[in-house]
Protein backbone atom coordinates (compact mmCIF):
# COMPACT_ATOMS: atom_id res chain seq x y z
CA UNK A 1 106.95 121.97 139.12
CA UNK A 2 107.16 122.92 135.26
CA UNK A 3 109.95 121.26 133.43
CA UNK A 4 112.47 123.67 131.73
CA UNK A 5 113.65 122.85 128.09
CA UNK A 6 117.10 121.97 129.29
CA UNK A 7 115.49 119.66 132.12
CA UNK A 8 113.32 118.16 129.58
CA UNK A 9 116.03 117.16 127.21
CA UNK A 10 118.15 115.94 129.88
CA UNK A 11 115.63 113.77 131.58
CA UNK A 12 113.90 112.50 128.62
CA UNK A 13 116.00 112.41 125.46
CA UNK A 14 119.75 112.59 126.41
CA UNK A 15 119.86 108.85 126.31
CA UNK A 16 116.95 108.07 124.13
CA UNK A 17 118.18 105.78 121.40
CA UNK A 18 121.12 103.77 120.64
CA UNK A 19 124.64 104.37 121.75
CA UNK A 20 126.66 104.51 118.65
CA UNK A 21 130.75 104.84 118.34
CA UNK A 22 130.40 107.28 115.33
CA UNK A 23 128.53 109.80 117.22
CA UNK A 24 131.44 112.46 118.08
CA UNK A 25 129.18 114.99 119.73
CA UNK A 26 125.35 114.26 120.57
CA UNK A 27 122.63 115.72 122.35
CA UNK A 28 123.53 118.91 124.58
CA UNK A 29 125.39 121.22 122.20
CA UNK A 30 124.55 123.63 119.19
CA UNK A 31 125.00 120.90 116.67
CA UNK A 32 125.83 117.08 116.57
CA UNK A 33 129.03 115.76 115.15
CA UNK A 34 129.12 112.34 113.60
CA UNK A 35 131.49 110.02 111.37
CA UNK A 36 130.29 108.77 107.93
CA UNK A 37 131.79 105.26 107.16
CA UNK A 38 134.32 105.64 104.24
CA UNK A 39 132.81 104.59 100.90
CA UNK A 40 129.29 105.69 101.97
CA UNK A 41 126.92 108.31 100.72
CA UNK A 42 124.74 110.29 103.34
CA UNK A 43 121.11 109.49 102.96
CA UNK A 44 118.78 112.15 104.57
CA UNK A 45 114.75 112.59 105.09
CA UNK A 46 112.56 114.42 107.26
CA UNK A 47 108.87 113.92 108.19
CA UNK A 48 106.45 115.86 110.46
CA UNK A 49 103.55 114.33 112.25
CA UNK A 50 100.66 116.77 113.33
CA UNK A 51 98.05 115.95 115.75
CA UNK A 52 94.71 115.63 114.11
CA UNK A 53 96.16 115.41 110.58
CA UNK A 54 98.49 112.28 110.88
CA UNK A 55 97.00 110.79 114.16
CA UNK A 56 94.07 111.28 116.09
CA UNK A 57 94.26 113.61 119.22
CA UNK A 58 93.69 110.53 121.88
CA UNK A 59 96.66 108.45 120.16
CA UNK A 60 98.86 106.93 123.04
CA UNK A 61 102.20 108.75 123.15
CA UNK A 62 104.30 105.83 122.86
CA UNK A 63 102.32 105.11 119.44
CA UNK A 64 103.27 108.77 118.28
CA UNK A 65 106.71 108.30 119.39
CA UNK A 66 107.00 105.16 117.42
CA UNK A 67 105.43 106.24 114.33
CA UNK A 68 107.43 109.41 114.32
CA UNK A 69 110.54 107.44 113.61
CA UNK A 70 109.06 104.64 111.90
CA UNK A 71 107.81 106.79 108.75
CA UNK A 72 111.58 108.00 108.46
CA UNK A 73 113.00 104.59 108.82
CA UNK A 74 110.71 103.57 105.88
CA UNK A 75 111.94 106.27 103.58
CA UNK A 76 115.55 105.18 104.14
CA UNK A 77 114.44 101.65 103.72
CA UNK A 78 113.06 102.52 100.23
CA UNK A 79 116.49 103.87 99.54
CA UNK A 80 118.40 100.70 100.81
CA UNK A 81 120.06 102.96 103.21
CA UNK A 82 121.19 101.99 106.79
CA UNK A 83 119.75 104.23 109.64
CA UNK A 84 122.20 105.71 112.02
CA UNK A 85 121.23 109.21 113.54
CA UNK A 86 118.11 111.06 114.32
CA UNK A 87 117.01 114.73 115.25
CA UNK A 88 113.84 115.26 116.91
CA UNK A 89 111.76 118.57 116.91
CA UNK A 90 109.11 118.34 119.35
CA UNK A 91 106.34 121.02 119.76
CA UNK A 92 104.05 120.31 123.00
CA UNK A 93 101.06 122.14 124.33
CA UNK A 94 102.56 121.39 127.76
CA UNK A 95 105.44 119.44 129.15
CA UNK A 96 103.46 116.62 130.87
CA UNK A 97 105.81 114.08 132.60
CA UNK A 98 103.64 111.16 132.08
CA UNK A 99 103.19 112.00 128.18
CA UNK A 100 106.88 112.52 127.74
CA UNK A 101 107.82 109.37 129.37
CA UNK A 102 105.63 107.27 127.20
CA UNK A 103 106.70 109.30 124.11
CA UNK A 104 110.22 108.77 124.79
CA UNK A 105 109.64 105.10 125.41
CA UNK A 106 108.02 104.43 122.17
CA UNK A 107 110.69 106.63 120.04
CA UNK A 108 113.59 104.89 121.99
CA UNK A 109 112.51 101.39 121.77
CA UNK A 110 112.35 101.44 117.76
CA UNK A 111 115.59 103.65 117.62
CA UNK A 112 117.52 100.98 119.70
CA UNK A 113 115.89 98.46 117.64
CA UNK A 114 117.65 99.83 114.59
CA UNK A 115 120.55 101.22 116.09
CA UNK A 116 119.51 104.63 115.64
CA UNK A 117 121.20 107.53 117.90
CA UNK A 118 119.28 110.52 118.95
CA UNK A 119 121.88 113.21 118.61
CA UNK A 120 119.92 116.52 118.93
CA UNK A 121 116.63 118.54 118.03
CA UNK A 122 114.63 121.19 119.55
CA UNK A 123 111.55 121.52 121.84
CA UNK A 124 108.92 124.22 121.67
CA UNK A 125 105.40 125.08 123.19
CA UNK A 126 102.40 125.06 120.71
CA UNK A 127 100.14 122.55 118.85
CA UNK A 128 101.39 118.98 119.28
CA UNK A 129 103.87 118.44 116.31
CA UNK A 130 106.46 115.95 115.90
CA UNK A 131 109.18 116.51 113.22
CA UNK A 132 111.98 113.78 112.82
CA UNK A 133 114.98 114.00 110.48
CA UNK A 134 116.75 110.85 110.08
CA UNK A 135 120.29 110.32 108.65
CA UNK A 136 121.87 107.23 107.41
CA UNK A 137 124.20 105.70 104.89
CA UNK A 138 124.28 103.71 101.87
CA UNK A 139 127.37 102.34 99.89
CA UNK A 140 128.39 104.90 97.17
CA UNK A 141 126.33 104.71 93.97
CA UNK A 142 124.12 101.83 95.35
CA UNK A 143 121.01 103.53 96.39
CA UNK A 144 117.93 102.46 95.27
CA UNK A 145 115.59 105.42 94.01
CA UNK A 146 112.16 105.79 92.07
CA UNK A 147 113.75 106.33 88.72
CA UNK A 148 115.29 102.87 88.03
CA UNK A 149 112.27 101.42 86.59
CA UNK A 150 112.14 100.17 82.85
CA UNK A 151 109.35 98.69 80.87
CA UNK A 152 109.31 94.97 81.42
CA UNK A 153 110.47 95.00 85.16
CA UNK A 154 108.15 92.95 87.55
CA UNK A 155 106.43 94.96 90.26
CA UNK A 156 106.49 93.56 94.05
CA UNK A 157 104.98 95.10 97.24
CA UNK A 158 105.86 94.00 100.92
CA UNK A 159 103.31 93.40 103.50
CA UNK A 160 99.50 93.80 103.27
CA UNK A 161 98.57 97.44 102.38
CA UNK A 162 95.28 98.59 103.63
CA UNK A 163 95.58 97.46 107.25
CA UNK A 164 96.84 100.75 108.61
CA UNK A 165 93.98 102.63 106.76
CA UNK A 166 91.49 100.28 108.52
CA UNK A 167 93.09 100.65 112.02
CA UNK A 168 92.98 104.43 111.76
CA UNK A 169 89.23 104.08 110.93
CA UNK A 170 88.95 102.09 114.00
CA UNK A 171 90.72 104.62 116.05
CA UNK A 172 88.36 107.40 114.81
CA UNK A 173 85.48 105.26 115.41
CA UNK A 174 84.26 105.09 111.75
CA UNK A 175 84.85 101.40 111.53
CA UNK A 176 83.88 98.36 113.48
CA UNK A 177 85.75 94.88 113.23
CA UNK A 178 85.40 91.41 114.95
CA UNK A 179 87.23 91.18 118.16
CA UNK A 180 89.86 88.83 116.58
CA UNK A 181 90.61 91.43 113.89
CA UNK A 182 90.44 94.79 115.49
CA UNK A 183 93.73 94.60 117.45
CA UNK A 184 95.76 93.53 114.62
CA UNK A 185 94.56 96.46 112.52
CA UNK A 186 94.95 98.98 115.35
CA UNK A 187 98.54 97.70 115.65
CA UNK A 188 99.27 98.32 112.14
CA UNK A 189 98.38 101.92 112.33
CA UNK A 190 99.73 102.86 115.72
CA UNK A 191 103.07 100.87 115.34
CA UNK A 192 104.02 100.27 111.75
CA UNK A 193 106.90 98.13 111.12
CA UNK A 194 109.45 99.80 108.69
CA UNK A 195 111.12 97.27 106.26
CA UNK A 196 114.60 98.41 106.82
CA UNK A 197 116.31 95.06 106.61
CA UNK A 198 114.39 94.21 103.39
CA UNK A 199 115.43 97.49 101.82
CA UNK A 200 119.02 96.83 102.46
CA UNK A 201 118.78 93.37 100.94
CA UNK A 202 116.95 94.73 97.98
CA UNK A 203 119.99 96.74 96.83
CA UNK A 204 121.31 93.41 95.26
CA UNK A 205 118.22 92.81 93.17
CA UNK A 206 115.80 95.77 92.97
CA UNK A 207 115.85 98.55 90.14
CA UNK A 208 113.55 100.92 91.62
CA UNK A 209 111.81 101.34 94.96
CA UNK A 210 109.50 103.54 96.78
CA UNK A 211 107.66 103.49 100.09
CA UNK A 212 104.10 102.99 100.30
CA UNK A 213 102.78 105.79 102.79
CA UNK A 214 100.10 107.65 100.82
CA UNK A 215 98.24 104.74 99.13
CA UNK A 216 99.55 101.86 97.11
CA UNK A 217 98.13 103.03 93.52
CA UNK A 218 99.30 106.72 94.13
CA UNK A 219 102.82 105.74 95.20
CA UNK A 220 103.09 103.23 92.31
CA UNK A 221 102.19 105.96 90.12
CA UNK A 222 104.86 108.18 91.79
CA UNK A 223 107.46 105.53 90.78
CA UNK A 224 106.17 104.76 87.33
CA UNK A 225 106.39 108.74 86.62
CA UNK A 226 110.03 108.98 88.06
CA UNK A 227 111.16 106.13 85.73
CA UNK A 228 109.26 107.57 82.73
CA UNK A 229 107.10 104.21 82.15
CA UNK A 230 103.59 103.15 83.09
CA UNK A 231 102.65 100.15 85.39
CA UNK A 232 99.98 97.55 85.07
CA UNK A 233 98.70 96.31 88.54
CA UNK A 234 96.66 93.02 89.01
CA UNK A 235 93.51 93.44 91.09
CA UNK A 236 93.76 89.60 92.12
CA UNK A 237 97.29 89.64 93.14
CA UNK A 238 96.94 92.40 95.78
CA UNK A 239 97.95 90.85 99.13
CA UNK A 240 95.34 91.67 101.68
CA UNK A 241 95.38 90.42 105.24
CA UNK A 242 92.59 88.10 106.74
CA UNK A 243 92.09 90.61 109.59
CA UNK A 244 91.09 93.25 106.91
CA UNK A 245 88.84 90.88 104.95
CA UNK A 246 87.19 89.82 108.09
CA UNK A 247 86.63 93.66 109.09
CA UNK A 248 85.39 94.96 105.63
CA UNK A 249 85.08 92.23 103.20
CA UNK A 250 87.06 91.01 100.20
CA UNK A 251 86.20 93.74 97.72
CA UNK A 252 86.59 96.79 100.24
CA UNK A 253 89.66 95.11 101.61
CA UNK A 254 91.32 95.51 98.24
CA UNK A 255 90.33 99.09 97.67
CA UNK A 256 91.68 100.05 101.10
CA UNK A 257 94.98 98.15 99.77
CA UNK A 258 95.03 100.33 96.81
CA UNK A 259 94.00 103.82 98.33
CA UNK A 260 94.64 103.67 102.05
CA UNK A 261 97.84 105.36 103.47
CA UNK A 262 100.18 104.89 106.30
CA UNK A 263 101.34 101.33 105.70
CA UNK A 264 104.96 102.14 105.27
CA UNK A 265 105.54 98.99 103.00
CA UNK A 266 108.06 98.97 100.13
CA UNK A 267 107.13 98.82 96.37
CA UNK A 268 109.81 97.83 94.14
CA UNK A 269 110.85 96.39 90.75
CA UNK A 270 112.99 93.65 89.64
CA UNK A 271 114.15 92.56 86.26
CA UNK A 272 112.30 89.28 85.08
CA UNK A 273 115.69 87.42 84.54
CA UNK A 274 116.51 88.03 88.25
CA UNK A 275 113.29 87.30 89.94
CA UNK A 276 113.86 83.52 90.58
CA UNK A 277 117.43 84.61 92.06
CA UNK A 278 115.57 87.32 94.35
CA UNK A 279 112.98 84.69 95.40
CA UNK A 280 115.54 82.09 96.34
CA UNK A 281 117.90 84.72 98.21
CA UNK A 282 114.74 86.36 99.88
CA UNK A 283 112.02 83.71 100.07
CA UNK A 284 108.70 85.25 99.95
CA UNK A 285 106.87 83.53 102.81
CA UNK A 286 109.76 84.92 105.07
CA UNK A 287 110.29 88.33 103.75
CA UNK A 288 106.47 88.87 103.21
CA UNK A 289 106.27 90.25 99.63
CA UNK A 290 104.35 89.43 96.31
CA UNK A 291 104.32 90.24 92.76
CA UNK A 292 101.45 92.47 92.10
CA UNK A 293 102.20 93.89 88.42
CA UNK A 294 104.63 94.81 85.62
CA UNK A 295 105.97 97.90 84.36
CA UNK A 296 104.83 99.02 80.66
CA UNK A 297 106.00 101.31 78.14
CA UNK A 298 102.59 103.31 77.99
CA UNK A 299 102.36 106.05 80.60
CA UNK A 300 100.00 105.76 83.78
CA UNK A 301 98.97 103.37 85.97
CA UNK A 302 96.11 100.89 85.06
CA UNK A 303 94.51 98.22 87.31
CA UNK A 304 93.39 95.00 85.61
CA UNK A 305 90.98 92.03 86.49
CA UNK A 306 91.13 89.11 84.39
CA UNK A 307 92.85 91.01 81.54
CA UNK A 308 90.16 93.79 81.37
CA UNK A 309 91.17 97.37 82.71
CA UNK A 310 89.09 98.29 85.66
CA UNK A 311 87.76 102.04 86.27
CA UNK A 312 89.40 103.02 89.27
CA UNK A 313 90.44 106.75 89.92
CA UNK A 314 91.39 107.15 93.47
CA UNK A 315 95.08 107.78 93.81
CA UNK A 316 95.76 108.20 97.45
CA UNK A 317 96.30 110.85 100.04
CA UNK A 318 97.43 114.28 98.78
CA UNK A 319 98.47 117.15 101.17
CA UNK A 320 96.72 120.54 100.20
CA UNK A 321 93.99 118.85 97.62
């Protein structure tokens, strides 16, 4: 028997996510009611994933649920905000119970891990599309933005960009990889790890921050432009994983690190005088980040190798390009 919209919501999503005391009224009414802590500003973001555009059609439902929330968590991480409440709009070709069970499990596990309550949303029939609005909070006046950069600040990135692009290529059959590397790369695409804890800690040290979702080079350019400065990135300093190098080679690995999307890492800037303090408080080997460049007065983003500017024009993923 086909599930009604009401049955679908009750069965799969009424208790999907964390239980929070600040949710006054959650799933099941016309709108949700929440309490924002005193002294906090509300942070809000929305992302939409479309089958065949943001993930291949045979992607496991649990991974789709995980990614739908993860991409939004990454946005709040870049603001230094703490996530709290999510709304989910789900468009389905059909209400398959097995698919919904797996999707809700993937979404719910990540929501509970970050203490996010699912407080509402919508379900409709149509081509598979998942939209999530995520709300959180950040101490008043302390949110990180893209516009805080100044010439001379050091530029850091978390994680190893490029892995997710290789994972997507594996999922699509466009890339082969050694058996010891393929599972790791696939996992980096299917189940990305948003750097929420790092984002919150960076409020004390970072001047500007952006999440790396459309390619490191392109997103670095967005931060620099918002700050009214330029950026020099060091080719040799780009962090790449062993699995990525094993799959594509060292040079192609760095190209993917620069241009590949879906990494959901953080790119951030720090004043040189505070770099040592940052690295003492947040040891690099524990928090997995690395300096890759510096902001400069001249506009634009340049990539240098041994002091020489490289010719590299690909800037990352663009919708409607």
